[in-house]
Amino acid sequence: MELKGSVALVTGANRGLGRHLAQQLVNSGAKVYAAARHPETVDLEGVTPLRLDVTDEESVREAARIASDVTLLVNNAGVARANPLIGGSMEHLHAEMDTNFFGPLAMTRTFAPILEGNGGGAVLNIVSVIAWMHAVHAGSSTAALAGSYAASKAATWAMSNAAREELAPRGISVSALYVGLMDTDMTAVLPPEGKVDPADVAAQALRAIEQDAPEILADEYTQLVKQGLSGTLAAQA
């Protein structure tokens, strides 16, 4: 899709990758709704701050009422609780599933008729390499530490694939972004090695959206993991 002249809604646009996506969309000539639970924390020029909690159905419906001209939905909002599946907190598990899976699903279901009514459009889901493997970072010895986060992202991976097939006849493309560690607040407690610049990731994602790419592998580590899943590495060994 053409970004110039598009109308985008970016969830979690007040910081990290979401902030870069919103800024770069503005720079590309798009109208941007910068959504956050606390819109007063959105400090970008040229955007329309929008109050949104993706875990609240009424909030999602109100956002759809306001942003009825959207042609690009970016499901970026997410939480991470460093929570093991077996020994961890069920409260944390529910929080991650609600925000990372049910939230993007609710947004996609609610905005699909809007995108279709506006002549078609695109959905971008921010997933993670952790949907495919559960280590916190390369070389980590705490592979299950983020088990519930990994489960929520794996669910979003599956949702992206299913939604892509269901929405294609309605003129809506669905892209999914997979990335390892980015240098954001969410990963601040982890060592700096291997972290990529979220500005670069945002630029890659938006270029891929313009090409209607279904899958975006944003860094070398993610590409290697995907190759391993597909058996490419084993075939080359």
Foldseek 3Di string as FASTA:
>chain_A
DQLAAAEEEFEPCLWDLNVLLQQVSVVSHYAYADEYCDQVSRDDPRYHDAHADLLDLVRLLVVCVVRLLHQEYELDDFDFDLAFDPPGDPVRLVRRLSRLPVSVVSNCVNCLVSNLVNPEHEYEHEAELLLLFQCLAPPHPCRRSRVSNNVSRVNVVVVQVVVQVVSVVSRYFYAYEYEHAAPTPNCVVPDPPPHDHSSQQSVQVVVCRVVSNRYHYRDDVSVVSVCVVVCVVVVVD
